[in-house]
PDB file of N, CA and C in Angstrom:
ATOM      1  N   MET A   1       0.893  -1.057  -0.215  1.00  0.00           N
ATOM      2  CA  MET A   1       0.079   0.207   0.018  1.00  0.00           C
ATOM      3  C   MET A   1       1.053   1.151  -0.189  1.00  0.00           C
ATOM      4  N   SER A   2       0.541   2.183  -0.949  1.00  0.00           N
ATOM      5  CA  SER A   2       1.259   3.337  -1.173  1.00  0.00           C
ATOM      6  C   SER A   2       1.095   4.301   0.037  1.00  0.00           C
ATOM      7  N   ASP A   3       1.991   5.153   0.549  1.00  0.00           N
ATOM      8  CA  ASP A   3       1.735   6.048   1.570  1.00  0.00           C
ATOM      9  C   ASP A   3       0.386   6.858   1.269  1.00  0.00           C
ATOM     10  N   GLU A   4       0.260   7.254   0.013  1.00  0.00           N
ATOM     11  CA  GLU A   4      -1.069   8.302  -0.385  1.00  0.00           C
ATOM     12  C   GLU A   4      -2.454   7.446  -0.200  1.00  0.00           C
ATOM     13  N   ASN A   5      -2.357   6.453   0.283  1.00  0.00           N
ATOM     14  CA  ASN A   5      -3.683   5.371   0.502  1.00  0.00           C
ATOM     15  C   ASN A   5      -3.836   5.298   2.028  1.00  0.00           C
ATOM     16  N   VAL A   6      -2.741   5.973   2.659  1.00  0.00           N
ATOM     17  CA  VAL A   6      -2.891   5.449   4.388  1.00  0.00           C
ATOM     18  C   VAL A   6      -3.538   6.595   5.045  1.00  0.00           C
ATOM     19  N   LYS A   7      -4.623   6.777   5.738  1.00  0.00           N
ATOM     20  CA  LYS A   7      -5.262   7.550   6.534  1.00  0.00           C
ATOM     21  C   LYS A   7      -4.415   7.896   7.795  1.00  0.00           C
ATOM     22  N   ARG A   8      -4.212   9.146   7.889  1.00  0.00           N
ATOM     23  CA  ARG A   8      -3.465   9.705   8.931  1.00  0.00           C
ATOM     24  C   ARG A   8      -4.248  10.796   9.861  1.00  0.00           C
ATOM     25  N   ALA A   9      -4.124  11.019  11.059  1.00  0.00           N
ATOM     26  CA  ALA A   9      -4.876  11.620  11.742  1.00  0.00           C
ATOM     27  C   ALA A   9      -3.786  12.320  13.042  1.00  0.00           C
ATOM     28  N   HIS A  10      -4.124  13.460  13.251  1.00  0.00           N
ATOM     29  CA  HIS A  10      -3.141  13.997  14.328  1.00  0.00           C
ATOM     30  C   HIS A  10      -3.826  14.939  15.048  1.00  0.00           C
ATOM     31  N   LEU A  11      -3.967  15.274  16.289  1.00  0.00           N
ATOM     32  CA  LEU A  11      -4.719  16.294  17.023  1.00  0.00           C
ATOM     33  C   LEU A  11      -3.747  17.089  17.587  1.00  0.00           C
ATOM     34  N   LEU A  12      -4.066  18.500  17.390  1.00  0.00           N
ATOM     35  CA  LEU A  12      -3.154  19.705  17.546  1.00  0.00           C
ATOM     36  C   LEU A  12      -3.991  20.544  18.522  1.00  0.00           C
ATOM     37  N   GLY A  13      -3.322  20.866  19.695  1.00  0.00           N
ATOM     38  CA  GLY A  13      -4.000  21.510  20.930  1.00  0.00           C
ATOM     39  C   GLY A  13      -2.948  22.724  20.910  1.00  0.00           C
ATOM     40  N   LEU A  14      -3.615  24.055  21.079  1.00  0.00           N
ATOM     41  CA  LEU A  14      -2.705  25.227  20.644  1.00  0.00           C
ATOM     42  C   LEU A  14      -3.176  26.338  22.006  1.00  0.00           C
ATOM     43  N   GLY A  15      -2.311  26.712  22.892  1.00  0.00           N
ATOM     44  CA  GLY A  15      -2.667  27.581  23.962  1.00  0.00           C
ATOM     45  C   GLY A  15      -1.943  28.749  23.606  1.00  0.00           C
ATOM     46  N   LEU A  16      -2.928  29.637  23.699  1.00  0.00           N
ATOM     47  CA  LEU A  16      -2.651  31.088  23.380  1.00  0.00           C
ATOM     48  C   LEU A  16      -2.323  32.002  24.565  1.00  0.00           C
ATOM     49  N   ASP A  17      -2.427  31.480  25.923  1.00  0.00           N
ATOM     50  CA  ASP A  17      -2.390  32.418  26.973  1.00  0.00           C
ATOM     51  C   ASP A  17      -0.907  32.398  27.407  1.00  0.00           C
ATOM     52  N   ASN A  18      -0.177  32.378  26.879  1.00  0.00           N
ATOM     53  CA  ASN A  18       1.532  32.399  27.540  1.00  0.00           C
ATOM     54  C   ASN A  18       1.812  33.705  27.610  1.00  0.00           C
ATOM     55  N   LYS A  19       2.365  34.189  28.902  1.00  0.00           N
ATOM     56  CA  LYS A  19       2.958  35.229  28.864  1.00  0.00           C
ATOM     57  C   LYS A  19       4.174  35.497  29.890  1.00  0.00           C
ATOM     58  N   ASP A  20       4.632  34.096  30.225  1.00  0.00           N
ATOM     59  CA  ASP A  20       5.818  33.830  30.974  1.00  0.00           C
ATOM     60  C   ASP A  20       7.234  33.498  30.045  1.00  0.00           C
ATOM     61  N   GLY A  21       6.764  33.639  28.724  1.00  0.00           N
ATOM     62  CA  GLY A  21       8.338  33.288  27.934  1.00  0.00           C
ATOM     63  C   GLY A  21       8.439  31.861  27.663  1.00  0.00           C
ATOM     64  N   HIS A  22       7.699  30.970  28.608  1.00  0.00           N
ATOM     65  CA  HIS A  22       8.374  29.721  28.392  1.00  0.00           C
ATOM     66  C   HIS A  22       7.873  28.811  27.002  1.00  0.00           C
ATOM     67  N   LYS A  23       8.554  28.043  26.227  1.00  0.00           N
ATOM     68  CA  LYS A  23       7.949  27.517  25.436  1.00  0.00           C
ATOM     69  C   LYS A  23       7.691  25.685  25.747  1.00  0.00           C
ATOM     70  N   ARG A  24       6.456  25.580  25.548  1.00  0.00           N
ATOM     71  CA  ARG A  24       5.744  24.467  26.074  1.00  0.00           C
ATOM     72  C   ARG A  24       5.304  23.500  25.145  1.00  0.00           C
ATOM     73  N   ILE A  25       6.001  22.365  24.771  1.00  0.00           N
ATOM     74  CA  ILE A  25       5.590  21.314  23.888  1.00  0.00           C
ATOM     75  C   ILE A  25       5.633  19.813  24.502  1.00  0.00           C
ATOM     76  N   THR A  26       4.160  19.524  24.438  1.00  0.00           N
ATOM     77  CA  THR A  26       4.080  18.027  24.750  1.00  0.00           C
ATOM     78  C   THR A  26       3.653  17.285  23.432  1.00  0.00           C
ATOM     79  N   GLN A  27       4.249  16.139  23.000  1.00  0.00           N
ATOM     80  CA  GLN A  27       4.012  15.269  21.606  1.00  0.00           C
ATOM     81  C   GLN A  27       3.931  13.986  22.028  1.00  0.00           C
ATOM     82  N   ALA A  28       2.920  13.485  21.300  1.00  0.00           N
ATOM     83  CA  ALA A  28       2.725  11.660  21.339  1.00  0.00           C
ATOM     84  C   ALA A  28       2.504  11.538  19.736  1.00  0.00           C
ATOM     85  N   GLU A  29       2.205  10.278  19.610  1.00  0.00           N
ATOM     86  CA  GLU A  29       2.109   9.531  18.388  1.00  0.00           C
ATOM     87  C   GLU A  29       1.102  10.430  17.596  1.00  0.00           C
ATOM     88  N   GLU A  30      -0.201  10.499  18.129  1.00  0.00           N
ATOM     89  CA  GLU A  30      -1.415  11.104  17.529  1.00  0.00           C
ATOM     90  C   GLU A  30      -1.939  12.483  17.973  1.00  0.00           C
ATOM     91  N   PHE A  31      -0.832  12.984  18.958  1.00  0.00           N
ATOM     92  CA  PHE A  31      -1.412  14.460  19.188  1.00  0.00           C
ATOM     93  C   PHE A  31      -0.333  15.245  19.673  1.00  0.00           C
ATOM     94  N   SER A  32      -0.258  16.727  19.597  1.00  0.00           N
ATOM     95  CA  SER A  32       0.767  17.645  19.932  1.00  0.00           C
ATOM     96  C   SER A  32       0.071  18.626  20.810  1.00  0.00           C
ATOM     97  N   ILE A  33       0.567  19.203  21.869  1.00  0.00           N
ATOM     98  CA  ILE A  33       0.153  20.175  22.442  1.00  0.00           C
ATOM     99  C   ILE A  33       1.166  21.356  22.684  1.00  0.00           C
ATOM    100  N   VAL A  34       0.871  22.438  22.368  1.00  0.00           N
ATOM    101  CA  VAL A  34       1.902  23.638  21.921  1.00  0.00           C
ATOM    102  C   VAL A  34       1.397  24.868  22.566  1.00  0.00           C
ATOM    103  N   GLY A  35       2.177  25.426  23.533  1.00  0.00           N
ATOM    104  CA  GLY A  35       2.190  26.819  24.070  1.00  0.00           C
ATOM    105  C   GLY A  35       1.229  26.585  25.359  1.00  0.00           C
ATOM    106  N   GLY A  36       0.755  28.005  25.633  1.00  0.00           N
ATOM    107  CA  GLY A  36      -0.290  28.084  26.850  1.00  0.00           C
ATOM    108  C   GLY A  36       0.673  28.270  27.833  1.00  0.00           C
ATOM    109  N   SER A  37       0.009  28.931  28.915  1.00  0.00           N
ATOM    110  CA  SER A  37       0.512  28.802  30.454  1.00  0.00           C
ATOM    111  C   SER A  37       0.761  27.462  30.853  1.00  0.00           C
ATOM    112  N   GLN A  38       1.414  27.377  32.090  1.00  0.00           N
ATOM    113  CA  GLN A  38       1.693  26.036  32.631  1.00  0.00           C
ATOM    114  C   GLN A  38       0.162  25.467  32.790  1.00  0.00           C
ATOM    115  N   GLU A  39      -0.513  26.042  33.648  1.00  0.00           N
ATOM    116  CA  GLU A  39      -1.802  25.819  33.994  1.00  0.00           C
ATOM    117  C   GLU A  39      -2.627  25.198  32.614  1.00  0.00           C
ATOM    118  N   THR A  40      -2.647  25.951  31.585  1.00  0.00           N
ATOM    119  CA  THR A  40      -3.306  25.694  30.436  1.00  0.00           C
ATOM    120  C   THR A  40      -2.907  24.592  29.647  1.00  0.00           C
ATOM    121  N   HIS A  41      -1.670  24.548  29.429  1.00  0.00           N
ATOM    122  CA  HIS A  41      -0.786  23.415  28.974  1.00  0.00           C
ATOM    123  C   HIS A  41      -1.369  22.057  29.723  1.00  0.00           C
ATOM    124  N   ASP A  42      -1.054  21.991  31.113  1.00  0.00           N
ATOM    125  CA  ASP A  42      -1.048  20.726  31.825  1.00  0.00           C
ATOM    126  C   ASP A  42      -2.735  20.305  31.445  1.00  0.00           C
ATOM    127  N   LYS A  43      -3.632  21.176  31.481  1.00  0.00           N
ATOM    128  CA  LYS A  43      -5.018  20.854  31.362  1.00  0.00           C
ATOM    129  C   LYS A  43      -5.429  20.263  30.116  1.00  0.00           C
ATOM    130  N   MET A  44      -4.840  21.036  28.862  1.00  0.00           N
ATOM    131  CA  MET A  44      -4.931  20.478  27.661  1.00  0.00           C
ATOM    132  C   MET A  44      -4.410  19.101  27.419  1.00  0.00           C
ATOM    133  N   THR A  45      -3.090  18.929  28.331  1.00  0.00           N
ATOM    134  CA  THR A  45      -2.356  17.542  28.005  1.00  0.00           C
ATOM    135  C   THR A  45      -3.474  16.470  28.630  1.00  0.00           C
ATOM    136  N   GLU A  46      -3.910  16.878  29.744  1.00  0.00           N
ATOM    137  CA  GLU A  46      -4.916  15.867  30.810  1.00  0.00           C
ATOM    138  C   GLU A  46      -5.918  15.506  30.068  1.00  0.00           C
ATOM    139  N   THR A  47      -6.581  16.799  29.417  1.00  0.00           N
ATOM    140  CA  THR A  47      -7.760  16.316  28.589  1.00  0.00           C
ATOM    141  C   THR A  47      -7.516  15.466  27.473  1.00  0.00           C
ATOM    142  N   VAL A  48      -6.439  15.643  26.694  1.00  0.00           N
ATOM    143  CA  VAL A  48      -6.136  14.856  25.475  1.00  0.00           C
ATOM    144  C   VAL A  48      -5.738  13.369  25.928  1.00  0.00           C
ATOM    145  N   VAL A  49      -4.871  13.098  27.098  1.00  0.00           N
ATOM    146  CA  VAL A  49      -4.773  11.954  27.419  1.00  0.00           C
ATOM    147  C   VAL A  49      -5.785  11.120  27.825  1.00  0.00           C
ATOM    148  N   LYS A  50      -6.546  11.644  28.728  1.00  0.00           N
ATOM    149  CA  LYS A  50      -7.857  11.144  29.149  1.00  0.00           C
ATOM    150  C   LYS A  50      -8.771  10.609  28.015  1.00  0.00           C
ATOM    151  N   THR A  51      -9.029  11.276  26.823  1.00  0.00           N
ATOM    152  CA  THR A  51      -9.626  11.485  25.927  1.00  0.00           C
ATOM    153  C   THR A  51      -9.271  10.180  25.041  1.00  0.00           C
ATOM    154  N   PHE A  52      -7.906  10.101  24.748  1.00  0.00           N
ATOM    155  CA  PHE A  52      -7.275   9.014  24.053  1.00  0.00           C
ATOM    156  C   PHE A  52      -7.450   7.668  24.864  1.00  0.00           C
ATOM    157  N   GLU A  53      -7.532   7.814  26.294  1.00  0.00           N
ATOM    158  CA  GLU A  53      -7.678   6.359  27.052  1.00  0.00           C
ATOM    159  C   GLU A  53      -9.094   6.164  26.769  1.00  0.00           C
ATOM    160  N   ASP A  54     -10.156   6.841  26.572  1.00  0.00           N
ATOM    161  CA  ASP A  54     -11.668   6.648  26.734  1.00  0.00           C
ATOM    162  C   ASP A  54     -11.721   5.872  25.281  1.00  0.00           C
ATOM    163  N   MET A  55     -11.036   6.636  24.209  1.00  0.00           N
ATOM    164  CA  MET A  55     -11.146   6.199  22.872  1.00  0.00           C
ATOM    165  C   MET A  55     -10.747   4.711  22.597  1.00  0.00           C
ATOM    166  N   LYS A  56      -9.482   4.331  23.450  1.00  0.00           N
ATOM    167  CA  LYS A  56      -8.933   3.048  23.147  1.00  0.00           C
ATOM    168  C   LYS A  56     -10.117   1.907  23.921  1.00  0.00           C
ATOM    169  N   LYS A  57     -10.646   2.498  25.101  1.00  0.00           N
ATOM    170  CA  LYS A  57     -11.318   1.639  25.877  1.00  0.00           C
ATOM    171  C   LYS A  57     -12.376   1.111  24.870  1.00  0.00           C
ATOM    172  N   ASN A  58     -12.910   2.119  23.982  1.00  0.00           N
ATOM    173  CA  ASN A  58     -14.165   1.792  23.282  1.00  0.00           C
ATOM    174  C   ASN A  58     -13.565   1.392  21.934  1.00  0.00           C
ATOM    175  N   GLY A  59     -12.444   0.982  21.699  1.00  0.00           N
ATOM    176  CA  GLY A  59     -12.050   0.411  20.531  1.00  0.00           C
ATOM    177  C   GLY A  59     -11.865   1.199  19.330  1.00  0.00           C
ATOM    178  N   LYS A  60     -11.563   2.362  19.556  1.00  0.00           N
ATOM    179  CA  LYS A  60     -11.566   3.850  18.622  1.00  0.00           C
ATOM    180  C   LYS A  60     -10.052   4.100  18.258  1.00  0.00           C
ATOM    181  N   SER A  61      -9.987   4.735  17.459  1.00  0.00           N
ATOM    182  CA  SER A  61      -8.568   5.715  17.336  1.00  0.00           C
ATOM    183  C   SER A  61      -9.031   6.972  16.835  1.00  0.00           C
ATOM    184  N   LEU A  62      -8.107   7.898  16.784  1.00  0.00           N
ATOM    185  CA  LEU A  62      -8.290   8.954  16.212  1.00  0.00           C
ATOM    186  C   LEU A  62      -8.629   9.066  14.436  1.00  0.00           C
ATOM    187  N   LYS A  63      -8.256   7.731  13.868  1.00  0.00           N
ATOM    188  CA  LYS A  63      -8.007   7.633  12.561  1.00  0.00           C
ATOM    189  C   LYS A  63      -9.925   7.306  12.241  1.00  0.00           C
ATOM    190  N   ASN A  64     -10.381   6.527  13.193  1.00  0.00           N
ATOM    191  CA  ASN A  64     -12.017   6.151  13.104  1.00  0.00           C
ATOM    192  C   ASN A  64     -12.806   6.915  13.935  1.00  0.00           C
ATOM    193  N   VAL A  65     -12.528   7.636  14.789  1.00  0.00           N
ATOM    194  CA  VAL A  65     -13.536   8.369  15.854  1.00  0.00           C
ATOM    195  C   VAL A  65     -14.391   9.478  14.782  1.00  0.00           C
ATOM    196  N   GLU A  66     -15.854   9.521  14.995  1.00  0.00           N
ATOM    197  CA  GLU A  66     -16.490  10.440  14.490  1.00  0.00           C
ATOM    198  C   GLU A  66     -16.333  11.872  15.213  1.00  0.00           C
ATOM    199  N   PRO A  67     -16.232  12.719  14.286  1.00  0.00           N
ATOM    200  CA  PRO A  67     -16.089  14.265  14.910  1.00  0.00           C
ATOM    201  C   PRO A  67     -17.042  14.621  16.134  1.00  0.00           C
ATOM    202  N   GLN A  68     -18.290  14.426  16.228  1.00  0.00           N
ATOM    203  CA  GLN A  68     -19.002  14.610  17.157  1.00  0.00           C
ATOM    204  C   GLN A  68     -18.421  14.026  18.453  1.00  0.00           C
ATOM    205  N   GLU A  69     -18.316  12.573  18.160  1.00  0.00           N
ATOM    206  CA  GLU A  69     -17.874  11.573  19.578  1.00  0.00           C
ATOM    207  C   GLU A  69     -16.470  12.089  20.109  1.00  0.00           C
ATOM    208  N   LEU A  70     -15.549  12.636  19.236  1.00  0.00           N
ATOM    209  CA  LEU A  70     -14.630  13.150  19.670  1.00  0.00           C
ATOM    210  C   LEU A  70     -14.505  14.520  20.387  1.00  0.00           C
ATOM    211  N   SER A  71     -15.374  15.398  19.784  1.00  0.00           N
ATOM    212  CA  SER A  71     -15.873  16.550  20.616  1.00  0.00           C
ATOM    213  C   SER A  71     -16.532  16.226  21.739  1.00  0.00           C
ATOM    214  N   ASP A  72     -17.356  15.234  21.783  1.00  0.00           N
ATOM    215  CA  ASP A  72     -18.114  14.874  23.209  1.00  0.00           C
ATOM    216  C   ASP A  72     -17.003  14.576  24.559  1.00  0.00           C
ATOM    217  N   LEU A  73     -15.915  13.580  23.583  1.00  0.00           N
ATOM    218  CA  LEU A  73     -14.866  13.109  24.663  1.00  0.00           C
ATOM    219  C   LEU A  73     -13.992  14.102  25.483  1.00  0.00           C
ATOM    220  N   LEU A  74     -13.891  14.934  24.284  1.00  0.00           N
ATOM    221  CA  LEU A  74     -13.077  16.132  24.897  1.00  0.00           C
ATOM    222  C   LEU A  74     -13.654  16.962  26.016  1.00  0.00           C
ATOM    223  N   GLU A  75     -14.789  17.363  25.661  1.00  0.00           N
ATOM    224  CA  GLU A  75     -15.709  18.094  26.617  1.00  0.00           C
ATOM    225  C   GLU A  75     -15.808  17.385  27.928  1.00  0.00           C
ATOM    226  N   LYS A  76     -16.313  16.056  27.671  1.00  0.00           N
ATOM    227  CA  LYS A  76     -16.121  15.381  29.046  1.00  0.00           C
ATOM    228  C   LYS A  76     -14.853  15.174  30.097  1.00  0.00           C
ATOM    229  N   ASN A  77     -13.774  15.151  28.973  1.00  0.00           N
ATOM    230  CA  ASN A  77     -12.378  14.813  29.802  1.00  0.00           C
ATOM    231  C   ASN A  77     -11.718  16.212  30.239  1.00  0.00           C
ATOM    232  N   THR A  78     -12.509  17.660  29.851  1.00  0.00           N
ATOM    233  CA  THR A  78     -11.700  18.685  30.326  1.00  0.00           C
ATOM    234  C   THR A  78     -11.802  18.998  31.779  1.00  0.00           C
ATOM    235  N   PRO A  79     -10.896  19.232  32.466  1.00  0.00           N
ATOM    236  CA  PRO A  79     -10.817  19.573  33.821  1.00  0.00           C
ATOM    237  C   PRO A  79     -11.461  21.012  34.212  1.00  0.00           C
ATOM    238  N   GLN A  80     -12.353  21.053  35.271  1.00  0.00           N
ATOM    239  CA  GLN A  80     -13.128  22.225  35.395  1.00  0.00           C
ATOM    240  C   GLN A  80     -12.380  23.241  36.171  1.00  0.00           C
TER     241      GLN A  80
END
């Protein structure tokens, strides 16, 4: 199978509230979290990690999860 026939997916989280000058990047195979204050970056990372855990429990991956289901999981796993 050629590369052009392979479905790829990657989730990108972008934090825009960084005022301390630190560059924060967290990467995994299927997601990247970039920027944000320490608090925002940590919350985004926690949200995405828990979301991927839930998808795995449900036998899903980023490649085959429906957009609405992904949105619902992200909302459910966002710390308050």
